[in-house]
């Protein structure tokens, strides 16, 4: 398994930071956090909508983890926005996706943003991509929601959480089991991640 090797004290610091994540990340009504809070395994995903590697991980791995593990209650998967400064439109994309989450449209908007990443990352027309999966009424509501300072504050909390968790690039998954966080950086195939998750979820003999 491709893990970042960190000193034990650093691992403990990451665990404390993640367990102290804001309550908003634990709301069951949010598609940014899927799976029971009491799940034996928690996956904290730090992602950037304009990051090509994040697109690959989302399409190849994360979507299947959502369906096969998080939605079935086997793990808790939490999305954290970590827009990188070199990506000009990543923060706007994160803002619109977070606003869409309040409309129950986070998955649809996230899928669209990653699917059409090559287009909007060049043109900057993030709004058109988001609008393509929303009704006219939802578009109006989303624009109003996106102006809420709480949206910006939530993204800033995610970024700060990532920094405190020693996240320096995207995508980064931090998989925590029995109090032990394992950071995994970059694109990892679903087959590799699923084997690892199964090993963690397997009942102790």
N, C-alpha and C. Protein backbone atom coordinates (compact mmCIF):
# COMPACT_ATOMS: atom_id res chain seq x y z
N UNK A 1 0.85 -1.20 0.00
CA UNK A 1 0.00 0.00 0.00
C UNK A 1 0.88 1.24 0.00
N UNK A 2 0.55 2.19 -0.81
CA UNK A 2 1.34 3.40 -0.92
C UNK A 2 0.96 4.36 0.20
N UNK A 3 1.77 4.40 1.26
CA UNK A 3 1.49 5.28 2.38
C UNK A 3 2.61 6.28 2.55
N UNK A 4 2.27 7.44 3.03
CA UNK A 4 3.28 8.42 3.40
C UNK A 4 3.76 8.05 4.79
N UNK A 5 5.02 7.87 4.96
CA UNK A 5 5.55 7.50 6.26
C UNK A 5 5.72 8.74 7.12
N UNK A 6 5.03 8.78 8.23
CA UNK A 6 5.11 9.93 9.12
C UNK A 6 5.48 9.48 10.52
N UNK A 7 6.18 10.32 11.28
CA UNK A 7 6.50 9.99 12.66
C UNK A 7 5.23 9.80 13.46
N UNK A 8 5.31 9.01 14.51
CA UNK A 8 4.13 8.68 15.32
C UNK A 8 3.48 9.92 15.90
N UNK A 9 4.29 10.91 16.33
CA UNK A 9 3.71 12.13 16.90
C UNK A 9 2.92 12.88 15.84
N UNK A 10 3.42 12.88 14.62
CA UNK A 10 2.69 13.55 13.54
C UNK A 10 1.39 12.83 13.26
N UNK A 11 1.39 11.50 13.30
CA UNK A 11 0.17 10.74 13.09
C UNK A 11 -0.86 11.05 14.16
N UNK A 12 -0.41 11.15 15.40
CA UNK A 12 -1.33 11.48 16.48
C UNK A 12 -1.91 12.87 16.29
N UNK A 13 -1.08 13.81 15.81
CA UNK A 13 -1.56 15.18 15.59
C UNK A 13 -2.64 15.18 14.52
N UNK A 14 -2.43 14.40 13.45
CA UNK A 14 -3.43 14.31 12.39
C UNK A 14 -4.73 13.77 12.94
N UNK A 15 -4.66 12.74 13.77
CA UNK A 15 -5.87 12.12 14.32
C UNK A 15 -6.65 13.13 15.16
N UNK A 16 -5.93 13.89 16.00
CA UNK A 16 -6.60 14.89 16.84
C UNK A 16 -7.27 15.94 15.97
N UNK A 17 -6.59 16.39 14.93
CA UNK A 17 -7.14 17.41 14.04
C UNK A 17 -8.39 16.90 13.34
N UNK A 18 -8.34 15.68 12.81
CA UNK A 18 -9.47 15.15 12.06
C UNK A 18 -10.68 14.90 12.94
N UNK A 19 -10.45 14.41 14.13
CA UNK A 19 -11.58 14.15 15.03
C UNK A 19 -12.18 15.45 15.55
N UNK A 20 -11.43 16.54 15.41
CA UNK A 20 -11.94 17.85 15.84
C UNK A 20 -12.51 18.64 14.68
N UNK A 21 -12.76 17.97 13.56
CA UNK A 21 -13.29 18.65 12.38
C UNK A 21 -14.63 19.29 12.70
N UNK A 22 -14.97 20.41 12.04
CA UNK A 22 -16.22 21.13 12.33
C UNK A 22 -17.44 20.25 12.20
N UNK A 23 -18.47 20.47 13.01
CA UNK A 23 -19.69 19.66 12.96
C UNK A 23 -20.31 19.61 11.57
N UNK A 24 -20.15 20.68 10.76
CA UNK A 24 -20.78 20.71 9.44
C UNK A 24 -20.35 19.54 8.59
N UNK A 25 -19.11 19.06 8.78
CA UNK A 25 -18.62 17.95 7.98
C UNK A 25 -19.30 16.65 8.35
N UNK A 26 -19.98 16.63 9.50
CA UNK A 26 -20.60 15.39 9.97
C UNK A 26 -22.11 15.37 9.76
N UNK A 27 -22.65 16.39 9.13
CA UNK A 27 -24.09 16.43 8.91
C UNK A 27 -24.51 15.35 7.92
N UNK A 28 -25.47 14.52 8.33
CA UNK A 28 -25.91 13.43 7.48
C UNK A 28 -26.63 13.93 6.23
N UNK A 29 -27.14 15.18 6.27
CA UNK A 29 -27.86 15.73 5.13
C UNK A 29 -26.92 16.19 4.02
N UNK A 30 -25.63 16.23 4.31
CA UNK A 30 -24.65 16.69 3.35
C UNK A 30 -24.04 15.53 2.59
N UNK A 31 -23.96 15.68 1.26
CA UNK A 31 -23.32 14.65 0.45
C UNK A 31 -21.80 14.77 0.49
N UNK A 32 -21.31 15.79 1.17
CA UNK A 32 -19.87 15.92 1.36
C UNK A 32 -19.38 14.93 2.41
N UNK A 33 -20.28 14.43 3.22
CA UNK A 33 -19.94 13.45 4.26
C UNK A 33 -20.95 12.32 4.18
N UNK A 34 -20.48 11.16 3.78
CA UNK A 34 -21.36 10.01 3.57
C UNK A 34 -20.90 8.84 4.43
N UNK A 35 -21.86 8.18 5.05
CA UNK A 35 -21.54 7.04 5.91
C UNK A 35 -21.70 7.41 7.37
N UNK A 36 -21.91 6.42 8.22
CA UNK A 36 -22.15 6.68 9.64
C UNK A 36 -20.94 7.26 10.36
N UNK A 37 -21.22 8.19 11.27
CA UNK A 37 -20.15 8.78 12.07
C UNK A 37 -19.41 7.71 12.87
N UNK A 38 -20.12 6.64 13.22
CA UNK A 38 -19.54 5.57 14.04
C UNK A 38 -18.82 4.50 13.22
N UNK A 39 -18.66 4.71 11.92
CA UNK A 39 -18.01 3.71 11.08
C UNK A 39 -16.59 3.42 11.58
N UNK A 40 -16.18 2.18 11.44
CA UNK A 40 -14.85 1.76 11.92
C UNK A 40 -13.73 2.41 11.13
N UNK A 41 -14.03 2.79 9.89
CA UNK A 41 -13.02 3.40 9.02
C UNK A 41 -13.54 4.75 8.54
N UNK A 42 -12.69 5.76 8.61
CA UNK A 42 -13.03 7.09 8.13
C UNK A 42 -12.02 7.50 7.06
N UNK A 43 -12.53 8.03 5.96
CA UNK A 43 -11.66 8.51 4.88
C UNK A 43 -11.87 10.01 4.73
N UNK A 44 -10.84 10.78 4.99
CA UNK A 44 -10.89 12.23 4.78
C UNK A 44 -10.17 12.52 3.48
N UNK A 45 -10.93 13.00 2.49
CA UNK A 45 -10.40 13.27 1.17
C UNK A 45 -10.20 14.77 0.97
N UNK A 46 -8.97 15.18 0.69
CA UNK A 46 -8.65 16.57 0.40
C UNK A 46 -8.46 16.68 -1.10
N UNK A 47 -9.31 17.50 -1.74
CA UNK A 47 -9.38 17.51 -3.19
C UNK A 47 -9.52 18.91 -3.75
N UNK A 48 -9.10 19.07 -5.01
CA UNK A 48 -9.15 20.33 -5.74
C UNK A 48 -9.84 20.04 -7.07
N UNK A 49 -10.93 20.72 -7.35
CA UNK A 49 -11.71 20.44 -8.56
C UNK A 49 -10.95 20.72 -9.86
N UNK A 50 -9.90 21.53 -9.79
CA UNK A 50 -9.13 21.84 -11.00
C UNK A 50 -7.89 20.98 -11.13
N UNK A 51 -7.69 20.07 -10.21
CA UNK A 51 -6.51 19.20 -10.19
C UNK A 51 -6.75 17.96 -11.05
N UNK A 52 -5.96 17.73 -12.11
CA UNK A 52 -6.15 16.56 -12.97
C UNK A 52 -6.06 15.24 -12.22
N UNK A 53 -5.17 15.14 -11.24
CA UNK A 53 -5.05 13.91 -10.46
C UNK A 53 -6.30 13.68 -9.61
N UNK A 54 -6.90 14.77 -9.12
CA UNK A 54 -8.14 14.66 -8.35
C UNK A 54 -9.27 14.16 -9.24
N UNK A 55 -9.29 14.63 -10.47
CA UNK A 55 -10.28 14.16 -11.44
C UNK A 55 -10.14 12.65 -11.65
N UNK A 56 -8.91 12.19 -11.83
CA UNK A 56 -8.67 10.76 -12.06
C UNK A 56 -9.09 9.94 -10.84
N UNK A 57 -8.72 10.41 -9.64
CA UNK A 57 -9.08 9.67 -8.43
C UNK A 57 -10.60 9.64 -8.26
N UNK A 58 -11.25 10.77 -8.52
CA UNK A 58 -12.70 10.86 -8.38
C UNK A 58 -13.39 9.86 -9.30
N UNK A 59 -12.99 9.86 -10.55
CA UNK A 59 -13.68 9.04 -11.55
C UNK A 59 -13.33 7.56 -11.46
N UNK A 60 -12.10 7.26 -11.07
CA UNK A 60 -11.66 5.87 -11.03
C UNK A 60 -11.90 5.19 -9.68
N UNK A 61 -11.87 5.99 -8.61
CA UNK A 61 -11.85 5.39 -7.27
C UNK A 61 -12.92 5.92 -6.33
N UNK A 62 -13.00 7.24 -6.17
CA UNK A 62 -13.87 7.82 -5.14
C UNK A 62 -15.34 7.49 -5.37
N UNK A 63 -15.80 7.58 -6.61
CA UNK A 63 -17.21 7.31 -6.89
C UNK A 63 -17.58 5.88 -6.49
N UNK A 64 -16.68 4.94 -6.71
CA UNK A 64 -16.97 3.55 -6.34
C UNK A 64 -16.89 3.34 -4.83
N UNK A 65 -15.99 4.05 -4.18
CA UNK A 65 -15.92 3.97 -2.72
C UNK A 65 -17.21 4.48 -2.12
N UNK A 66 -17.75 5.56 -2.68
CA UNK A 66 -19.03 6.10 -2.19
C UNK A 66 -20.12 5.04 -2.27
N UNK A 67 -20.21 4.40 -3.43
CA UNK A 67 -21.29 3.45 -3.65
C UNK A 67 -21.10 2.13 -2.91
N UNK A 68 -19.89 1.61 -2.91
CA UNK A 68 -19.64 0.27 -2.36
C UNK A 68 -19.35 0.26 -0.87
N UNK A 69 -18.91 1.39 -0.33
CA UNK A 69 -18.53 1.42 1.08
C UNK A 69 -19.29 2.48 1.88
N UNK A 70 -19.24 3.74 1.45
CA UNK A 70 -19.85 4.81 2.25
C UNK A 70 -21.37 4.71 2.29
N UNK A 71 -22.00 4.57 1.12
CA UNK A 71 -23.47 4.52 1.09
C UNK A 71 -24.01 3.23 1.70
N UNK A 72 -23.19 2.23 1.81
CA UNK A 72 -23.60 0.97 2.45
C UNK A 72 -23.27 0.95 3.93
N UNK A 73 -22.76 2.09 4.43
CA UNK A 73 -22.51 2.22 5.86
C UNK A 73 -21.26 1.54 6.37
N UNK A 74 -20.37 1.17 5.48
CA UNK A 74 -19.17 0.45 5.90
C UNK A 74 -18.03 1.39 6.28
N UNK A 75 -17.98 2.56 5.66
CA UNK A 75 -16.97 3.56 6.01
C UNK A 75 -17.64 4.93 6.01
N UNK A 76 -16.94 5.90 6.56
CA UNK A 76 -17.39 7.29 6.47
C UNK A 76 -16.41 8.02 5.56
N UNK A 77 -16.93 8.63 4.52
CA UNK A 77 -16.13 9.36 3.54
C UNK A 77 -16.47 10.84 3.63
N UNK A 78 -15.47 11.67 3.89
CA UNK A 78 -15.69 13.10 4.06
C UNK A 78 -14.85 13.87 3.04
N UNK A 79 -15.52 14.69 2.24
CA UNK A 79 -14.84 15.53 1.25
C UNK A 79 -14.42 16.84 1.90
N UNK A 80 -13.16 17.23 1.67
CA UNK A 80 -12.65 18.52 2.14
C UNK A 80 -12.11 19.28 0.93
N UNK A 81 -12.48 20.55 0.82
CA UNK A 81 -11.96 21.37 -0.27
C UNK A 81 -10.54 21.82 0.06
N UNK A 82 -9.65 21.63 -0.92
CA UNK A 82 -8.26 22.06 -0.75
C UNK A 82 -7.79 22.68 -2.07
N UNK A 83 -8.40 23.82 -2.46
CA UNK A 83 -8.03 24.46 -3.73
C UNK A 83 -6.59 24.96 -3.69
N UNK A 84 -5.80 24.54 -4.65
CA UNK A 84 -4.40 24.93 -4.69
C UNK A 84 -4.26 26.33 -5.30
N UNK A 85 -3.34 27.14 -4.79
CA UNK A 85 -3.22 28.53 -5.25
C UNK A 85 -2.88 28.66 -6.73
N UNK A 86 -2.23 27.66 -7.31
CA UNK A 86 -1.87 27.76 -8.73
C UNK A 86 -3.05 27.49 -9.66
N UNK A 87 -4.17 27.05 -9.11
CA UNK A 87 -5.36 26.78 -9.92
C UNK A 87 -6.33 27.96 -9.80
N UNK A 88 -6.39 28.75 -10.85
CA UNK A 88 -7.10 30.04 -10.81
C UNK A 88 -8.58 29.93 -10.49
N UNK A 89 -9.21 28.83 -10.92
CA UNK A 89 -10.66 28.73 -10.77
C UNK A 89 -11.10 27.66 -9.76
N UNK A 90 -10.15 27.09 -9.06
CA UNK A 90 -10.46 26.00 -8.13
C UNK A 90 -11.32 26.47 -6.96
N UNK A 91 -11.05 27.65 -6.45
CA UNK A 91 -11.82 28.15 -5.30
C UNK A 91 -13.25 28.48 -5.72
N UNK A 92 -13.42 29.03 -6.91
CA UNK A 92 -14.77 29.30 -7.40
C UNK A 92 -15.55 27.99 -7.56
N UNK A 93 -14.89 26.98 -8.08
CA UNK A 93 -15.53 25.68 -8.24
C UNK A 93 -15.92 25.10 -6.88
N UNK A 94 -15.02 25.22 -5.91
CA UNK A 94 -15.31 24.72 -4.57
C UNK A 94 -16.49 25.45 -3.95
N UNK A 95 -16.55 26.77 -4.18
CA UNK A 95 -17.65 27.58 -3.63
C UNK A 95 -18.99 27.15 -4.21
N UNK A 96 -19.04 26.96 -5.51
CA UNK A 96 -20.30 26.58 -6.16
C UNK A 96 -20.70 25.16 -5.77
N UNK A 97 -19.73 24.27 -5.62
CA UNK A 97 -20.04 22.89 -5.21
C UNK A 97 -20.57 22.88 -3.78
N UNK A 98 -19.97 23.68 -2.92
CA UNK A 98 -20.43 23.76 -1.52
C UNK A 98 -21.85 24.33 -1.46
N UNK A 99 -22.13 25.32 -2.29
CA UNK A 99 -23.48 25.88 -2.34
C UNK A 99 -24.46 24.85 -2.88
N UNK A 100 -24.02 24.09 -3.88
CA UNK A 100 -24.87 23.04 -4.46
C UNK A 100 -25.20 21.96 -3.43
N UNK A 101 -24.28 21.75 -2.49
CA UNK A 101 -24.53 20.75 -1.45
C UNK A 101 -25.75 21.11 -0.63
N UNK A 102 -25.99 22.39 -0.43
CA UNK A 102 -27.16 22.84 0.34
C UNK A 102 -28.46 22.59 -0.43
N UNK A 103 -28.34 22.37 -1.73
CA UNK A 103 -29.51 22.06 -2.55
C UNK A 103 -29.64 20.56 -2.79
N UNK A 104 -28.75 19.78 -2.17
CA UNK A 104 -28.76 18.34 -2.40
C UNK A 104 -28.18 17.96 -3.75
N UNK A 105 -27.33 18.82 -4.31
CA UNK A 105 -26.80 18.62 -5.65
C UNK A 105 -25.27 18.51 -5.67
N UNK A 106 -24.67 18.20 -4.55
CA UNK A 106 -23.20 18.16 -4.50
C UNK A 106 -22.63 17.10 -5.45
N UNK A 107 -23.20 15.91 -5.43
CA UNK A 107 -22.67 14.83 -6.28
C UNK A 107 -22.79 15.18 -7.76
N UNK A 108 -23.95 15.71 -8.15
CA UNK A 108 -24.16 16.06 -9.55
C UNK A 108 -23.19 17.15 -10.01
N UNK A 109 -23.02 18.16 -9.17
CA UNK A 109 -22.12 19.26 -9.52
C UNK A 109 -20.66 18.79 -9.51
N UNK A 110 -20.28 18.01 -8.54
CA UNK A 110 -18.91 17.50 -8.48
C UNK A 110 -18.59 16.67 -9.71
N UNK A 111 -19.52 15.78 -10.07
CA UNK A 111 -19.31 14.94 -11.26
C UNK A 111 -19.13 15.81 -12.51
N UNK A 112 -19.97 16.83 -12.64
CA UNK A 112 -19.91 17.71 -13.81
C UNK A 112 -18.60 18.50 -13.85
N UNK A 113 -18.18 19.00 -12.69
CA UNK A 113 -16.95 19.78 -12.64
C UNK A 113 -15.74 18.94 -13.04
N UNK A 114 -15.69 17.71 -12.55
CA UNK A 114 -14.57 16.85 -12.92
C UNK A 114 -14.67 16.40 -14.37
N UNK A 115 -15.87 16.07 -14.81
CA UNK A 115 -16.05 15.61 -16.18
C UNK A 115 -15.63 16.66 -17.19
N UNK A 116 -15.97 17.92 -16.91
CA UNK A 116 -15.69 19.00 -17.85
C UNK A 116 -14.51 19.87 -17.40
N UNK A 117 -13.65 19.30 -16.59
CA UNK A 117 -12.52 20.04 -16.04
C UNK A 117 -11.65 20.70 -17.12
N UNK A 118 -11.37 19.98 -18.19
CA UNK A 118 -10.51 20.52 -19.24
C UNK A 118 -11.08 21.80 -19.85
N UNK A 119 -12.40 21.87 -19.91
CA UNK A 119 -13.06 23.03 -20.53
C UNK A 119 -13.04 24.25 -19.62
N UNK A 120 -13.59 24.12 -18.41
CA UNK A 120 -13.70 25.30 -17.55
C UNK A 120 -12.37 25.74 -16.95
N UNK A 121 -11.41 24.82 -16.85
CA UNK A 121 -10.11 25.22 -16.31
C UNK A 121 -9.36 26.13 -17.28
N UNK A 122 -9.76 26.10 -18.55
CA UNK A 122 -9.17 26.98 -19.55
C UNK A 122 -10.00 28.24 -19.75
N UNK A 123 -11.31 28.08 -19.80
CA UNK A 123 -12.19 29.23 -20.07
C UNK A 123 -12.54 30.02 -18.81
N UNK A 124 -12.53 29.36 -17.67
CA UNK A 124 -12.93 30.01 -16.43
C UNK A 124 -14.43 30.06 -16.24
N UNK A 125 -15.17 29.48 -17.17
CA UNK A 125 -16.64 29.53 -17.10
C UNK A 125 -17.16 28.37 -16.25
N UNK A 126 -16.86 28.45 -14.96
CA UNK A 126 -17.26 27.40 -14.02
C UNK A 126 -18.78 27.36 -13.88
N UNK A 127 -19.39 28.54 -13.86
CA UNK A 127 -20.83 28.63 -13.66
C UNK A 127 -21.63 27.89 -14.70
N UNK A 128 -21.19 27.92 -15.94
CA UNK A 128 -21.93 27.24 -17.01
C UNK A 128 -21.95 25.74 -16.80
N UNK A 129 -20.85 25.20 -16.32
CA UNK A 129 -20.79 23.76 -16.05
C UNK A 129 -21.74 23.39 -14.92
N UNK A 130 -21.71 24.18 -13.87
CA UNK A 130 -22.60 23.93 -12.73
C UNK A 130 -24.06 24.05 -13.16
N UNK A 131 -24.37 25.08 -13.93
CA UNK A 131 -25.75 25.31 -14.37
C UNK A 131 -26.28 24.15 -15.22
N UNK A 132 -25.38 23.44 -15.89
CA UNK A 132 -25.81 22.37 -16.80
C UNK A 132 -26.50 21.22 -16.09
N UNK A 133 -26.32 21.12 -14.77
CA UNK A 133 -26.95 20.03 -14.03
C UNK A 133 -27.99 20.54 -13.04
N UNK A 134 -28.37 21.81 -13.18
CA UNK A 134 -29.35 22.41 -12.27
C UNK A 134 -30.56 22.92 -13.06
N UNK A 135 -31.68 22.97 -12.39
CA UNK A 135 -32.87 23.59 -12.98
C UNK A 135 -32.75 25.10 -12.88
N UNK A 136 -33.52 25.87 -13.63
CA UNK A 136 -33.47 27.33 -13.54
C UNK A 136 -33.68 27.83 -12.10
N UNK A 137 -34.61 27.22 -11.40
CA UNK A 137 -34.87 27.62 -10.01
C UNK A 137 -33.66 27.34 -9.13
N UNK A 138 -33.04 26.17 -9.34
CA UNK A 138 -31.86 25.81 -8.54
C UNK A 138 -30.70 26.74 -8.83
N UNK A 139 -30.55 27.16 -10.08
CA UNK A 139 -29.47 28.08 -10.43
C UNK A 139 -29.59 29.39 -9.66
N UNK A 140 -30.81 29.91 -9.58
CA UNK A 140 -31.04 31.15 -8.85
C UNK A 140 -30.71 30.99 -7.38
N UNK A 141 -31.17 29.89 -6.79
CA UNK A 141 -30.90 29.63 -5.37
C UNK A 141 -29.41 29.46 -5.12
N UNK A 142 -28.74 28.76 -6.03
CA UNK A 142 -27.31 28.50 -5.84
C UNK A 142 -26.51 29.79 -5.83
N UNK A 143 -26.83 30.71 -6.75
CA UNK A 143 -26.10 31.97 -6.80
C UNK A 143 -26.24 32.75 -5.50
N UNK A 144 -27.42 32.69 -4.90
CA UNK A 144 -27.63 33.38 -3.62
C UNK A 144 -26.84 32.68 -2.51
N UNK A 145 -26.90 31.36 -2.50
CA UNK A 145 -26.18 30.60 -1.47
C UNK A 145 -24.68 30.80 -1.55
N UNK A 146 -24.17 30.91 -2.78
CA UNK A 146 -22.72 31.04 -2.97
C UNK A 146 -22.17 32.34 -2.36
N UNK A 147 -23.06 33.31 -2.12
CA UNK A 147 -22.63 34.59 -1.54
C UNK A 147 -22.59 34.53 -0.01
N UNK A 148 -23.07 33.45 0.57
CA UNK A 148 -23.09 33.31 2.02
C UNK A 148 -21.66 33.21 2.55
N UNK A 149 -21.26 34.09 3.47
CA UNK A 149 -19.90 34.04 4.02
C UNK A 149 -19.57 32.69 4.66
N UNK A 150 -20.60 31.97 5.07
CA UNK A 150 -20.35 30.67 5.70
C UNK A 150 -19.75 29.68 4.71
N UNK A 151 -20.06 29.85 3.43
CA UNK A 151 -19.49 28.97 2.41
C UNK A 151 -17.98 29.19 2.35
N UNK A 152 -17.58 30.45 2.26
CA UNK A 152 -16.15 30.78 2.22
C UNK A 152 -15.45 30.32 3.49
N UNK A 153 -16.11 30.53 4.62
CA UNK A 153 -15.52 30.12 5.89
C UNK A 153 -15.33 28.61 5.95
N UNK A 154 -16.28 27.87 5.39
CA UNK A 154 -16.16 26.41 5.37
C UNK A 154 -14.97 25.94 4.55
N UNK A 155 -14.75 26.59 3.41
CA UNK A 155 -13.60 26.24 2.58
C UNK A 155 -12.30 26.56 3.31
N UNK A 156 -12.26 27.69 3.97
CA UNK A 156 -11.07 28.07 4.73
C UNK A 156 -10.80 27.07 5.85
N UNK A 157 -11.86 26.57 6.49
CA UNK A 157 -11.67 25.56 7.54
C UNK A 157 -11.08 24.29 6.95
N UNK A 158 -11.57 23.91 5.77
CA UNK A 158 -11.04 22.71 5.12
C UNK A 158 -9.56 22.88 4.80
N UNK A 159 -9.20 24.04 4.26
CA UNK A 159 -7.80 24.31 3.91
C UNK A 159 -6.92 24.27 5.15
N UNK A 160 -7.39 24.91 6.21
CA UNK A 160 -6.62 24.92 7.46
C UNK A 160 -6.50 23.52 8.04
N UNK A 161 -7.59 22.76 7.96
CA UNK A 161 -7.55 21.38 8.44
C UNK A 161 -6.51 20.58 7.65
N UNK A 162 -6.50 20.79 6.33
CA UNK A 162 -5.52 20.10 5.50
C UNK A 162 -4.09 20.46 5.88
N UNK A 163 -3.85 21.72 6.08
CA UNK A 163 -2.50 22.16 6.45
C UNK A 163 -2.08 21.56 7.78
N UNK A 164 -2.98 21.57 8.74
CA UNK A 164 -2.67 21.00 10.05
C UNK A 164 -2.49 19.49 9.98
N UNK A 165 -3.10 18.88 8.96
CA UNK A 165 -2.96 17.44 8.76
C UNK A 165 -1.79 17.11 7.84
N UNK A 166 -0.98 18.12 7.54
CA UNK A 166 0.23 17.97 6.73
C UNK A 166 -0.07 17.63 5.27
N UNK A 167 -1.23 18.06 4.79
CA UNK A 167 -1.56 17.88 3.37
C UNK A 167 -0.81 18.96 2.59
N UNK A 168 -0.05 18.55 1.58
CA UNK A 168 0.71 19.50 0.77
C UNK A 168 0.38 19.40 -0.71
N UNK A 169 -0.35 18.35 -1.10
CA UNK A 169 -0.73 18.19 -2.50
C UNK A 169 -2.06 17.46 -2.57
N UNK A 170 -2.67 17.54 -3.75
CA UNK A 170 -3.95 16.86 -3.94
C UNK A 170 -3.83 15.87 -5.08
N UNK A 171 -4.64 14.79 -5.02
CA UNK A 171 -5.53 14.44 -3.91
C UNK A 171 -4.77 13.76 -2.78
N UNK A 172 -5.25 13.93 -1.58
CA UNK A 172 -4.72 13.22 -0.41
C UNK A 172 -5.90 12.60 0.33
N UNK A 173 -5.82 11.30 0.57
CA UNK A 173 -6.80 10.61 1.41
C UNK A 173 -6.12 10.24 2.72
N UNK A 174 -6.79 10.53 3.81
CA UNK A 174 -6.30 10.09 5.11
C UNK A 174 -7.29 9.06 5.63
N UNK A 175 -6.86 7.82 5.66
CA UNK A 175 -7.72 6.71 6.08
C UNK A 175 -7.39 6.38 7.53
N UNK A 176 -8.40 6.53 8.39
CA UNK A 176 -8.19 6.33 9.83
C UNK A 176 -8.95 5.10 10.30
N UNK A 177 -8.23 4.23 11.02
CA UNK A 177 -8.82 3.01 11.57
C UNK A 177 -8.16 2.72 12.91
N UNK A 178 -8.97 2.49 13.93
CA UNK A 178 -8.46 2.22 15.28
C UNK A 178 -7.50 3.30 15.76
N UNK A 179 -7.83 4.55 15.44
CA UNK A 179 -7.01 5.65 15.91
C UNK A 179 -5.72 5.85 15.16
N UNK A 180 -5.54 5.12 14.06
CA UNK A 180 -4.30 5.24 13.29
C UNK A 180 -4.58 5.80 11.91
N UNK A 181 -4.18 7.06 11.64
CA UNK A 181 -4.40 7.65 10.32
C UNK A 181 -3.29 7.29 9.34
N UNK A 182 -3.66 6.91 8.13
CA UNK A 182 -2.70 6.58 7.08
C UNK A 182 -2.92 7.50 5.88
N UNK A 183 -2.04 8.49 5.68
CA UNK A 183 -2.18 9.37 4.52
C UNK A 183 -1.76 8.66 3.23
N UNK A 184 -2.58 8.80 2.20
CA UNK A 184 -2.29 8.23 0.89
C UNK A 184 -2.39 9.36 -0.12
N UNK A 185 -1.30 9.62 -0.81
CA UNK A 185 -1.21 10.77 -1.71
C UNK A 185 -1.23 10.31 -3.17
N UNK A 186 -1.99 11.03 -3.99
CA UNK A 186 -1.99 10.76 -5.41
C UNK A 186 -3.12 9.84 -5.84
N UNK A 187 -3.04 9.38 -7.08
CA UNK A 187 -4.08 8.54 -7.66
C UNK A 187 -3.81 7.08 -7.31
N UNK A 188 -4.77 6.48 -6.63
CA UNK A 188 -4.68 5.06 -6.26
C UNK A 188 -5.90 4.37 -6.84
N UNK A 189 -5.72 3.22 -7.45
CA UNK A 189 -6.83 2.53 -8.10
C UNK A 189 -7.83 2.01 -7.07
N UNK A 190 -9.06 1.84 -7.53
CA UNK A 190 -10.10 1.33 -6.65
C UNK A 190 -9.75 -0.06 -6.12
N UNK A 191 -9.18 -0.90 -6.94
CA UNK A 191 -8.85 -2.26 -6.51
C UNK A 191 -7.85 -2.25 -5.36
N UNK A 192 -6.88 -1.35 -5.42
CA UNK A 192 -5.89 -1.25 -4.35
C UNK A 192 -6.55 -0.74 -3.07
N UNK A 193 -7.34 0.34 -3.19
CA UNK A 193 -7.98 0.91 -2.01
C UNK A 193 -8.98 -0.07 -1.41
N UNK A 194 -9.75 -0.75 -2.24
CA UNK A 194 -10.76 -1.68 -1.72
C UNK A 194 -10.10 -2.85 -0.99
N UNK A 195 -8.97 -3.33 -1.49
CA UNK A 195 -8.27 -4.40 -0.78
C UNK A 195 -7.80 -3.93 0.59
N UNK A 196 -7.32 -2.70 0.62
CA UNK A 196 -6.86 -2.13 1.89
C UNK A 196 -8.04 -1.96 2.85
N UNK A 197 -9.15 -1.43 2.35
CA UNK A 197 -10.32 -1.25 3.21
C UNK A 197 -10.83 -2.58 3.74
N UNK A 198 -10.86 -3.59 2.88
CA UNK A 198 -11.32 -4.91 3.31
C UNK A 198 -10.43 -5.47 4.41
N UNK A 199 -9.13 -5.20 4.31
CA UNK A 199 -8.21 -5.69 5.35
C UNK A 199 -8.48 -4.99 6.68
N UNK A 200 -8.90 -3.72 6.62
CA UNK A 200 -9.20 -2.99 7.85
C UNK A 200 -10.55 -3.41 8.43
N UNK A 201 -11.50 -3.73 7.56
CA UNK A 201 -12.84 -4.06 7.99
C UNK A 201 -13.01 -5.52 8.37
N UNK A 202 -12.02 -6.35 8.03
CA UNK A 202 -12.11 -7.77 8.32
C UNK A 202 -12.14 -8.00 9.83
N UNK A 203 -13.10 -8.80 10.32
CA UNK A 203 -13.19 -9.07 11.77
C UNK A 203 -11.90 -9.70 12.28
N UNK A 204 -11.49 -9.25 13.45
CA UNK A 204 -10.28 -9.81 14.07
C UNK A 204 -10.53 -11.24 14.50
N UNK A 205 -9.56 -12.09 14.26
CA UNK A 205 -9.70 -13.51 14.64
C UNK A 205 -9.23 -13.72 16.06
